Amino acid sequence: QLHTLKQFKNEFDSRGCNQTDYFSGVRCDNTTGLIMELQIPRGCLSGTLNSNSSLFSLHHLYHLDLSHNDFTSSSLPSALGNLNRLKVWL
């Protein structure tokens, strides 16, 4: 899942974010190691959140906070509905 997370980051302009900041908001399940929570720091990402984003392959994600990032011309992708336990802050 680390590869998927790096892939997600690379889908955007992330010059406003350093590697340490980006991964500080990641929480994994202690037993499985699967990513359960993701909070991207303020102003870290800019670009368009597409429906084919690698984000949607993190099927165990239940908390997603992308607030205070710049997702220009993005609408809420229907693919978010595939993450059935997800709470989202955009």
Protein backbone atom coordinates (compact mmCIF):
# COMPACT_ATOMS: atom_id res chain seq x y z
CA GLN A 1 0.00 0.00 0.00
CA LEU A 2 2.98 2.30 0.38
CA HIS A 3 3.48 2.08 -3.39
CA THR A 4 -0.17 3.09 -3.92
CA LEU A 5 0.22 6.03 -1.56
CA LYS A 6 3.32 7.26 -3.41
CA GLN A 7 1.48 6.82 -6.70
CA PHE A 8 -1.42 8.94 -5.35
CA LYS A 9 1.00 11.69 -4.34
CA ASN A 10 2.57 11.65 -7.80
CA GLU A 11 -0.82 12.31 -9.42
CA PHE A 12 -0.61 15.91 -8.15
CA ASP A 13 1.74 18.84 -7.90
CA SER A 14 3.20 18.24 -4.45
CA ARG A 15 6.00 20.81 -4.39
CA GLY A 16 4.41 22.39 -1.31
CA CYS A 17 4.94 19.20 0.67
CA ASN A 18 8.00 17.40 1.90
CA GLN A 19 8.15 13.62 2.21
CA THR A 20 8.00 13.69 6.02
CA ASP A 21 4.88 15.90 6.10
CA TYR A 22 3.08 13.77 3.55
CA PHE A 23 3.44 10.51 5.46
CA SER A 24 2.82 11.94 8.94
CA GLY A 25 -0.96 11.70 8.44
CA VAL A 26 -0.99 8.01 7.53
CA ARG A 27 -2.40 5.53 10.04
CA CYS A 28 -2.28 1.78 9.50
CA ASP A 29 -4.02 -1.14 11.15
CA ASN A 30 -1.63 -2.60 13.75
CA THR A 31 -2.43 -6.17 12.74
CA THR A 32 -2.68 -6.04 8.95
CA GLY A 33 -0.59 -2.99 8.12
CA LEU A 34 -3.34 -1.75 5.78
CA ILE A 35 -3.83 2.01 5.47
CA MET A 36 -6.95 2.97 7.41
CA GLU A 37 -6.58 6.75 7.78
CA LEU A 38 -5.06 9.35 5.48
CA GLN A 39 -4.76 13.03 6.27
CA ILE A 40 -2.87 15.07 3.71
CA PRO A 41 -1.33 18.22 5.22
CA ARG A 42 -2.65 21.69 4.38
CA GLY A 43 -1.54 22.92 0.96
CA CYS A 44 0.37 19.76 0.16
CA LEU A 45 -1.42 18.77 -3.07
CA SER A 46 -2.82 20.67 -6.00
CA GLY A 47 -4.40 19.41 -9.20
CA THR A 48 -7.43 17.41 -10.25
CA LEU A 49 -8.77 14.45 -8.28
CA ASN A 50 -9.76 12.01 -11.02
CA SER A 51 -12.12 9.06 -10.81
CA ASN A 52 -9.27 6.71 -11.79
CA SER A 53 -7.01 7.91 -8.97
CA SER A 54 -4.89 5.30 -7.21
CA LEU A 55 -6.53 6.55 -3.99
CA PHE A 56 -9.54 4.38 -4.78
CA SER A 57 -7.52 1.17 -4.53
CA LEU A 58 -7.06 1.77 -0.79
CA HIS A 59 -10.19 -0.25 -0.05
CA HIS A 60 -9.72 -0.37 3.74
CA LEU A 61 -9.53 3.41 4.10
CA TYR A 62 -12.19 4.77 6.45
CA HIS A 63 -10.92 8.30 7.24
CA LEU A 64 -9.75 10.65 4.49
CA ASP A 65 -8.93 14.30 5.09
CA LEU A 66 -7.88 16.22 1.98
CA SER A 67 -9.15 19.56 3.28
CA HIS A 68 -7.13 22.71 2.62
CA ASN A 69 -5.55 21.27 -0.51
CA ASP A 70 -6.18 22.73 -3.96
CA PHE A 71 -8.15 20.31 -6.11
CA THR A 72 -8.94 22.68 -8.95
CA SER A 73 -11.84 21.80 -11.20
CA SER A 74 -12.48 18.57 -9.30
CA SER A 75 -15.90 17.25 -8.50
CA LEU A 76 -16.45 14.50 -5.97
CA PRO A 77 -15.65 11.36 -7.99
CA SER A 78 -18.27 8.63 -7.88
CA ALA A 79 -15.43 6.19 -7.14
CA LEU A 80 -15.53 7.43 -3.52
CA GLY A 81 -18.69 5.33 -3.19
CA ASN A 82 -16.56 2.21 -3.66
CA LEU A 83 -14.87 2.92 -0.31
CA ASN A 84 -17.90 1.89 1.70
CA ARG A 85 -16.83 2.85 5.25
CA LEU A 86 -15.21 6.14 4.27
CA LYS A 87 -15.61 9.48 6.04
CA VAL A 88 -14.30 12.26 3.79
CA TRP A 89 -13.21 15.84 4.42
CA LEU A 90 -12.41 17.77 1.25
